[in-house]
Amino acid sequence: MSRNYYEVLEINKNATEDEIKKAYRKGALKWHPDKNPNNKEEAEIKFKEIGEAYNVLSNAEKKQIYDTQGEEGLKASNNGGFQGHQGNPNDIFNMFFGGQMNNPFAGFQQKQAIKKAEQKVVFIPVSYKDLYNGCKKKVTIPIRVLCIGCQGLGGKDVSICKGCNGAGTIFIRKMMGPNMIQQIQTICSSCNGRKKTVSQACNICNTVGTINDDKEFIVKIEKGIDNDDKIMFENMGNENYEEERGDVIFVIGLKDTKYTNFIKVKNNLVYNYNIKVGDSISGTTINIEHISGENIVYKEDGFIPDKSCRVIKNKGMPIKGYNDNYGDLFVFYNIIYDDIKLNHNQKEIIKRILPYTVINNEFEETKGLHMESIKNNFSLEHIIRGNY
């Protein structure tokens, strides 16, 4: 069956030499058999195809024959890639990465995978409304990508660093006292930890091998997602030579300046409601601007103890993955004791002069509230443990 080498490398026919190299590097690192111990048979086939495609498309003469006559033309001219099972795809891999010393798999056991580049962790602030309704956030961040000038090598004529023999680090002995020597591992100053040196530095990255490139991400905030939850974009982060591309991790951070009276506990909401002494004795109308945008209005007729709690069912936060399922809203009452100065006569009739808010009985209470009776001595620990 004839293969399309452009599809194998996931490039178009107008791809440049650098794009062909980059495509080979990405595919070879992804499908190297040592990185796929649980899927080795398929990996060996794909690894071979990727090497064969690069062998053809990176050679101007072979590429011209392939573009005009296809794979059959290559076989006829005896200029093709690997013929059947002849040859070794690792030859191209080692040649591309500069031989065994630069091979990221050299000296490793077959089952060991390629090291991934360092993760990019980004804090993304969200509001209570974002968590309640769900939303999408457009975020642009700098990502380290392989330099277009040197494809991550850092320059021309790459060779193993003689200062560290390709280790990237060296050991320094330091005299600590009589007959006391401490051995310290540090980054090699000759190659700055890159394990290799170049005869001529790249004029774009100056031997670093990577450059900054701003990338835009659309981060989907699902309804009911929690604070400190993580959203991962696999293999879309920092690049580094001889390493698999890293991941980008967005960490959800609750930051709200409007709904400061609310506290999120699991899928429940806690609201701190301040009332006056007179209100706590004579009753009052409770009016709460909810995160959803509605006003929750109801009347407390009886005595309201300090630090008591009213539970309103299904008025908490949405439960992730369950549509139309919500936690509960806990309204904690805090009695505000005003600085009341009473004379002797007033103290005698204190129950008649306590300040309270005049209640307007002409209001329409929010429909569909499912409330429980006031609970005394209720705390956040109860909610965290689910003891309610």
Protein backbone atom coordinates (compact mmCIF):
# COMPACT_ATOMS: atom_id res chain seq x y z
CA MET A 1 0.00 0.00 0.00
CA SER A 2 1.38 3.35 -1.04
CA ARG A 3 2.04 5.78 1.81
CA ASN A 4 1.71 9.52 1.84
CA TYR A 5 4.93 10.77 3.46
CA TYR A 6 3.46 14.24 3.98
CA GLU A 7 0.59 12.78 5.98
CA VAL A 8 3.02 10.63 7.98
CA LEU A 9 4.90 13.76 9.11
CA GLU A 10 1.66 15.80 9.32
CA ILE A 11 2.94 18.57 7.01
CA ASN A 12 1.90 20.00 3.64
CA LYS A 13 3.81 19.80 0.37
CA ASN A 14 5.08 23.36 0.74
CA ALA A 15 6.78 22.63 4.07
CA THR A 16 10.23 24.14 4.46
CA GLU A 17 13.36 22.23 5.42
CA ASP A 18 13.07 23.47 9.00
CA GLU A 19 9.40 22.43 9.17
CA ILE A 20 10.30 18.94 7.92
CA LYS A 21 12.98 18.63 10.60
CA LYS A 22 10.65 19.83 13.31
CA ALA A 23 7.90 17.43 12.18
CA TYR A 24 10.34 14.50 12.21
CA ARG A 25 11.64 15.41 15.65
CA LYS A 26 8.10 15.63 17.06
CA GLY A 27 6.96 12.36 15.50
CA ALA A 28 10.11 10.40 16.30
CA LEU A 29 10.08 11.40 19.96
CA LYS A 30 6.37 10.59 20.21
CA TRP A 31 6.55 7.16 18.58
CA HIS A 32 9.99 5.94 19.65
CA PRO A 33 9.52 2.31 20.80
CA ASP A 34 11.30 3.05 24.09
CA LYS A 35 8.58 5.57 24.93
CA ASN A 36 5.76 3.14 24.13
CA PRO A 37 6.52 -0.06 26.05
CA ASN A 38 2.81 -0.96 26.26
CA ASN A 39 2.20 -0.36 22.56
CA LYS A 40 5.55 -1.30 21.13
CA GLU A 41 4.41 -3.09 17.97
CA GLU A 42 2.41 -0.14 16.66
CA ALA A 43 5.13 2.30 17.78
CA GLU A 44 7.81 0.41 15.84
CA ILE A 45 5.72 0.59 12.65
CA LYS A 46 5.00 4.31 13.03
CA PHE A 47 8.61 5.08 14.07
CA LYS A 48 9.85 3.34 10.94
CA GLU A 49 7.37 5.21 8.71
CA ILE A 50 8.36 8.55 10.21
CA GLY A 51 12.05 7.84 9.60
CA GLU A 52 11.34 6.70 6.07
CA ALA A 53 9.31 9.84 5.34
CA TYR A 54 12.05 12.09 6.69
CA ASN A 55 14.70 10.18 4.74
CA VAL A 56 12.84 11.02 1.52
CA LEU A 57 11.47 14.51 2.14
CA SER A 58 14.70 15.90 3.64
CA ASN A 59 16.61 14.96 0.48
CA ALA A 60 15.92 17.33 -2.43
CA GLU A 61 16.54 14.69 -5.12
CA LYS A 62 14.40 12.01 -3.46
CA LYS A 63 11.67 14.53 -2.70
CA GLN A 64 11.45 15.60 -6.35
CA ILE A 65 11.15 11.99 -7.52
CA TYR A 66 8.52 11.24 -4.86
CA ASP A 67 6.50 14.36 -5.72
CA THR A 68 6.41 13.48 -9.43
CA GLN A 69 6.46 9.65 -9.47
CA GLY A 70 5.43 8.59 -6.00
CA GLU A 71 6.86 5.70 -3.94
CA GLU A 72 7.11 3.43 -6.98
CA GLY A 73 9.38 5.97 -8.65
CA LEU A 74 11.67 5.94 -5.63
CA LYS A 75 11.93 2.17 -5.69
CA ALA A 76 12.66 2.21 -9.40
CA SER A 77 15.43 4.76 -8.96
CA ASN A 78 16.83 2.84 -5.97
CA ASN A 79 16.86 6.10 -4.03
CA GLY A 80 14.02 5.26 -1.67
CA GLY A 81 13.92 5.05 2.07
CA PHE A 82 13.98 1.79 3.99
CA GLN A 83 13.20 -1.13 1.71
CA GLY A 84 10.90 -3.57 3.49
CA HIS A 85 12.58 -4.51 6.78
CA GLN A 86 16.07 -3.64 5.55
CA GLY A 87 17.99 -0.89 7.29
CA ASN A 88 17.51 0.48 10.78
CA PRO A 89 15.27 3.50 11.50
CA ASN A 90 17.44 4.24 14.53
CA ASP A 91 20.23 5.26 12.15
CA ILE A 92 18.26 8.34 11.09
CA PHE A 93 17.23 9.00 14.69
CA ASN A 94 20.84 8.88 15.89
CA MET A 95 22.04 10.94 12.93
CA PHE A 96 19.35 13.55 13.57
CA PHE A 97 20.17 13.82 17.27
CA GLY A 98 23.93 13.81 16.71
CA GLY A 99 24.83 10.22 17.44
CA GLN A 100 24.58 8.04 20.53
CA MET A 101 25.94 10.69 22.91
CA ASN A 102 23.12 13.07 21.95
CA ASN A 103 20.49 10.36 21.65
CA PRO A 104 17.91 10.97 24.42
CA PHE A 105 17.56 7.18 24.78
CA ALA A 106 21.24 6.29 24.89
CA GLY A 107 22.15 4.20 27.95
CA PHE A 108 18.54 3.81 29.10
CA GLN A 109 16.53 0.66 29.55
CA GLN A 110 13.97 -0.09 26.86
CA LYS A 111 11.06 0.62 29.18
CA GLN A 112 12.20 4.12 30.15
CA ALA A 113 10.26 7.00 28.61
CA ILE A 114 11.51 10.34 27.34
CA LYS A 115 11.69 13.09 29.93
CA LYS A 116 9.03 15.76 29.54
CA ALA A 117 9.87 19.42 29.53
CA GLU A 118 8.98 21.39 32.64
CA GLN A 119 5.29 22.10 33.16
CA LYS A 120 3.95 25.61 32.69
CA VAL A 121 1.66 26.40 35.65
CA VAL A 122 -0.58 29.46 35.33
CA PHE A 123 -2.96 30.90 37.96
CA ILE A 124 -6.30 31.93 36.45
CA PRO A 125 -8.57 34.12 38.66
CA VAL A 126 -12.30 33.41 38.56
CA SER A 127 -15.32 34.92 40.31
CA TYR A 128 -18.23 33.25 42.08
CA LYS A 129 -20.35 33.95 38.98
CA ASP A 130 -17.77 32.20 36.80
CA LEU A 131 -17.99 29.10 39.00
CA TYR A 132 -21.77 29.29 39.22
CA ASN A 133 -22.59 29.82 35.53
CA GLY A 134 -19.52 28.39 33.83
CA CYS A 135 -17.64 30.40 31.22
CA LYS A 136 -14.67 30.50 28.86
CA LYS A 137 -11.52 32.50 29.56
CA LYS A 138 -9.14 33.66 26.85
CA VAL A 139 -5.61 33.58 28.22
CA THR A 140 -2.39 34.49 26.40
CA ILE A 141 0.88 33.32 27.95
CA PRO A 142 4.52 33.08 26.79
CA ILE A 143 5.63 29.56 25.84
CA ARG A 144 9.21 28.45 25.21
CA VAL A 145 9.42 26.92 21.72
CA LEU A 146 12.35 25.54 19.75
CA CYS A 147 14.34 28.25 18.06
CA ILE A 148 13.51 28.49 14.35
CA GLY A 149 17.13 29.28 13.56
CA CYS A 150 18.76 26.18 15.06
CA GLN A 151 15.84 23.84 15.82
CA GLY A 152 16.86 23.77 19.47
CA LEU A 153 20.53 22.91 18.95
CA GLY A 154 21.78 26.36 19.98
CA GLY A 155 24.06 26.83 16.98
CA LYS A 156 26.22 25.05 14.43
CA ASP A 157 28.60 22.08 14.78
CA VAL A 158 27.13 20.67 17.97
CA SER A 159 29.43 18.51 20.09
CA ILE A 160 29.42 16.98 23.55
CA CYS A 161 30.60 19.38 26.23
CA LYS A 162 34.10 18.43 27.32
CA GLY A 163 33.71 20.22 30.62
CA CYS A 164 31.05 17.79 31.90
CA ASN A 165 31.30 15.01 29.30
CA GLY A 166 27.67 15.52 28.34
CA ALA A 167 26.28 15.28 31.88
CA GLY A 168 25.26 18.93 32.19
CA THR A 169 26.56 19.04 35.76
CA ILE A 170 29.94 18.75 37.45
CA PHE A 171 31.10 18.00 40.98
CA ILE A 172 33.19 20.47 42.91
CA ARG A 173 35.14 19.54 46.01
CA LYS A 174 35.19 22.08 48.80
CA MET A 175 37.44 21.94 51.87
CA MET A 176 35.23 22.34 54.95
CA GLY A 177 37.94 21.85 57.56
CA PRO A 178 40.82 19.55 58.50
CA ASN A 179 40.25 16.21 56.78
CA MET A 180 36.73 17.33 55.79
CA ILE A 181 35.87 17.62 52.11
CA GLN A 182 32.38 18.30 50.78
CA GLN A 183 31.41 17.36 47.23
CA ILE A 184 28.88 19.72 45.61
CA GLN A 185 27.04 19.12 42.34
CA THR A 186 26.58 22.24 40.22
CA ILE A 187 25.64 23.21 36.65
CA CYS A 188 28.52 23.00 34.20
CA SER A 189 29.79 26.49 33.41
CA SER A 190 31.05 25.47 29.98
CA CYS A 191 27.63 24.55 28.60
CA ASN A 192 25.27 26.03 31.21
CA GLY A 193 23.72 22.61 31.74
CA ARG A 194 22.86 21.99 28.07
CA LYS A 195 25.31 19.04 27.86
CA LYS A 196 26.68 20.24 24.53
CA THR A 197 28.63 23.11 23.02
CA VAL A 198 28.53 24.76 19.58
CA SER A 199 31.27 26.21 17.44
CA GLN A 200 29.05 29.06 16.26
CA ALA A 201 26.19 30.39 18.38
CA CYS A 202 22.74 30.78 16.83
CA ASN A 203 22.15 34.47 16.07
CA ILE A 204 18.49 34.19 17.16
CA CYS A 205 18.62 32.38 20.53
CA ASN A 206 22.36 32.75 21.33
CA THR A 207 22.82 29.03 22.21
CA VAL A 208 19.71 28.86 24.42
CA GLY A 209 17.88 26.70 21.87
CA THR A 210 14.42 28.13 22.65
CA ILE A 211 12.61 31.44 22.25
CA ASN A 212 9.45 32.95 23.74
CA ASP A 213 6.26 32.73 21.69
CA ASP A 214 2.91 34.09 22.94
CA LYS A 215 0.21 31.42 22.73
CA GLU A 216 -3.53 31.94 23.20
CA PHE A 217 -5.56 29.38 25.17
CA ILE A 218 -9.33 29.14 25.55
CA VAL A 219 -9.88 27.76 29.06
CA LYS A 220 -13.31 26.28 29.67
CA ILE A 221 -14.55 26.82 33.24
CA GLU A 222 -17.23 24.20 33.85
CA LYS A 223 -20.16 24.84 36.16
CA GLY A 224 -19.34 23.57 39.63
CA ILE A 225 -15.56 23.51 39.18
CA ASP A 226 -13.82 24.14 42.49
CA ASN A 227 -11.11 26.45 43.74
CA ASP A 228 -7.59 25.04 43.15
CA ASP A 229 -8.89 22.63 40.48
CA LYS A 230 -6.52 22.16 37.55
CA ILE A 231 -7.21 22.28 33.81
CA MET A 232 -4.46 20.67 31.74
CA PHE A 233 -3.47 21.21 28.11
CA GLU A 234 -1.23 18.23 27.38
CA ASN A 235 1.86 18.68 25.19
CA MET A 236 1.08 22.35 24.50
CA GLY A 237 3.64 23.88 26.84
CA ASN A 238 7.38 24.51 26.83
CA GLU A 239 9.63 22.81 24.34
CA ASN A 240 13.19 21.76 24.94
CA TYR A 241 15.70 19.88 22.83
CA GLU A 242 15.78 16.12 23.57
CA GLU A 243 12.63 16.36 25.71
CA GLU A 244 8.98 15.74 25.03
CA ARG A 245 6.94 18.91 24.99
CA GLY A 246 5.61 19.89 28.40
CA ASP A 247 2.07 20.52 29.57
CA VAL A 248 0.26 23.76 30.43
CA ILE A 249 -1.72 23.63 33.68
CA PHE A 250 -4.21 26.33 34.60
CA VAL A 251 -4.98 26.47 38.32
CA ILE A 252 -8.39 27.85 39.28
CA GLY A 253 -8.16 30.61 41.88
CA LEU A 254 -11.31 32.10 43.39
CA LYS A 255 -11.02 35.88 43.51
CA ASP A 256 -14.21 37.90 44.01
CA THR A 257 -14.59 41.48 45.21
CA LYS A 258 -18.40 41.68 44.91
CA TYR A 259 -19.82 38.70 46.77
CA THR A 260 -17.57 39.04 49.79
CA ASN A 261 -20.25 37.85 52.25
CA PHE A 262 -20.29 34.42 50.62
CA ILE A 263 -17.98 31.51 51.44
CA LYS A 264 -17.86 28.41 49.23
CA VAL A 265 -17.61 25.11 51.10
CA LYS A 266 -17.66 22.15 48.71
CA ASN A 267 -20.86 22.71 46.72
CA ASN A 268 -22.50 24.71 49.49
CA LEU A 269 -22.59 28.45 50.06
CA VAL A 270 -22.32 30.17 53.43
CA TYR A 271 -23.67 33.72 53.78
CA ASN A 272 -22.92 35.89 56.82
CA TYR A 273 -25.96 38.04 57.59
CA ASN A 274 -25.77 40.82 60.20
CA ILE A 275 -28.96 41.78 62.07
CA LYS A 276 -29.70 44.15 64.94
CA VAL A 277 -30.74 43.14 68.42
CA GLY A 278 -34.29 44.33 67.90
CA ASP A 279 -34.54 42.37 64.68
CA SER A 280 -33.37 39.22 66.41
CA ILE A 281 -36.18 39.56 68.99
CA SER A 282 -39.08 40.86 66.93
CA GLY A 283 -38.26 39.23 63.59
CA THR A 284 -37.24 40.80 60.32
CA THR A 285 -37.26 40.43 56.55
CA ILE A 286 -34.16 38.77 55.07
CA ASN A 287 -33.05 39.93 51.63
CA ILE A 288 -29.98 38.32 50.02
CA GLU A 289 -28.57 39.13 46.57
CA HIS A 290 -27.66 35.67 45.35
CA ILE A 291 -24.75 34.82 43.03
CA SER A 292 -27.28 33.67 40.42
CA GLY A 293 -28.63 37.24 40.20
CA GLU A 294 -31.93 36.62 41.98
CA ASN A 295 -32.94 38.16 45.30
CA ILE A 296 -33.76 35.59 47.96
CA VAL A 297 -36.39 37.16 50.23
CA TYR A 298 -38.06 35.56 53.24
CA LYS A 299 -39.32 36.54 56.70
CA GLU A 300 -38.03 35.46 60.11
CA ASP A 301 -40.95 35.79 62.54
CA GLY A 302 -39.54 34.22 65.67
CA PHE A 303 -36.55 34.88 67.91
CA ILE A 304 -33.20 34.65 66.05
CA PRO A 305 -30.36 33.45 68.30
CA ASP A 306 -26.83 34.75 67.69
CA LYS A 307 -24.66 32.41 65.57
CA SER A 308 -27.70 30.46 64.42
CA CYS A 309 -28.14 29.25 60.88
CA ARG A 310 -30.98 29.00 58.38
CA VAL A 311 -30.55 26.29 55.72
CA ILE A 312 -32.05 26.99 52.29
CA LYS A 313 -32.04 23.88 50.13
CA ASN A 314 -30.73 23.87 46.54
CA LYS A 315 -29.45 27.46 46.65
CA GLY A 316 -25.76 26.62 46.82
CA MET A 317 -23.28 26.06 43.98
CA PRO A 318 -23.88 23.71 41.04
CA ILE A 319 -22.49 20.21 41.37
CA LYS A 320 -19.95 19.50 38.63
CA GLY A 321 -21.15 16.96 36.10
CA TYR A 322 -24.75 16.97 37.37
CA ASN A 323 -27.04 19.39 35.57
CA ASP A 324 -29.54 21.27 37.71
CA ASN A 325 -28.19 19.78 40.95
CA TYR A 326 -27.04 22.28 43.56
CA GLY A 327 -25.73 22.38 47.07
CA ASP A 328 -27.41 24.32 49.88
CA LEU A 329 -27.20 27.89 51.14
CA PHE A 330 -26.43 28.39 54.83
CA VAL A 331 -27.40 31.81 56.20
CA PHE A 332 -25.43 32.52 59.37
CA TYR A 333 -26.97 35.19 61.60
CA ASN A 334 -24.64 37.54 63.45
CA ILE A 335 -26.35 39.75 66.07
CA ILE A 336 -24.93 43.29 66.08
CA TYR A 337 -25.04 44.70 69.58
CA ASP A 338 -25.26 48.48 69.23
CA ASP A 339 -23.64 50.81 71.76
CA ILE A 340 -26.84 51.46 73.68
CA LYS A 341 -26.75 53.86 76.64
CA LEU A 342 -29.69 53.27 78.95
CA ASN A 343 -30.80 55.16 82.06
CA HIS A 344 -32.39 53.48 85.04
CA ASN A 345 -35.97 53.79 83.77
CA GLN A 346 -35.03 52.54 80.34
CA LYS A 347 -33.37 49.52 81.82
CA GLU A 348 -36.61 48.72 83.62
CA ILE A 349 -38.50 48.69 80.37
CA ILE A 350 -35.64 47.46 78.17
CA LYS A 351 -37.82 45.04 76.29
CA ARG A 352 -39.98 47.91 75.06
CA ILE A 353 -37.21 50.15 73.79
CA LEU A 354 -34.87 47.74 72.03
CA PRO A 355 -34.08 49.09 68.53
CA TYR A 356 -35.50 47.10 65.64
CA THR A 357 -36.17 47.58 61.98
CA VAL A 358 -39.72 48.37 60.97
CA ILE A 359 -40.91 45.43 58.89
CA ASN A 360 -42.79 46.07 55.70
CA ASN A 361 -45.27 43.23 55.52
CA GLU A 362 -46.15 44.03 51.91
CA PHE A 363 -43.50 42.02 50.06
CA GLU A 364 -43.56 39.04 47.77
CA GLU A 365 -41.37 36.32 49.14
CA THR A 366 -39.17 34.42 46.70
CA LYS A 367 -41.07 31.39 45.45
CA GLY A 368 -39.89 27.81 45.71
CA LEU A 369 -37.66 28.15 48.79
CA HIS A 370 -37.07 24.89 50.64
CA MET A 371 -35.87 25.97 54.07
CA GLU A 372 -35.06 24.10 57.25
CA SER A 373 -35.60 25.45 60.75
CA ILE A 374 -32.94 27.54 62.42
CA LYS A 375 -30.03 25.49 63.73
CA ASN A 376 -28.12 26.73 66.79
CA ASN A 377 -24.35 26.43 67.33
CA PHE A 378 -23.77 25.53 63.69
CA SER A 379 -20.26 25.93 62.23
CA LEU A 380 -18.35 25.56 58.97
CA GLU A 381 -16.95 22.27 60.26
CA HIS A 382 -20.44 20.83 60.24
CA ILE A 383 -20.77 21.71 56.56
CA ILE A 384 -17.31 20.42 55.67
CA ARG A 385 -18.07 17.09 57.34
CA GLY A 386 -21.56 17.00 55.88
CA ASN A 387 -23.17 16.82 59.32
CA TYR A 388 -26.36 18.70 58.57
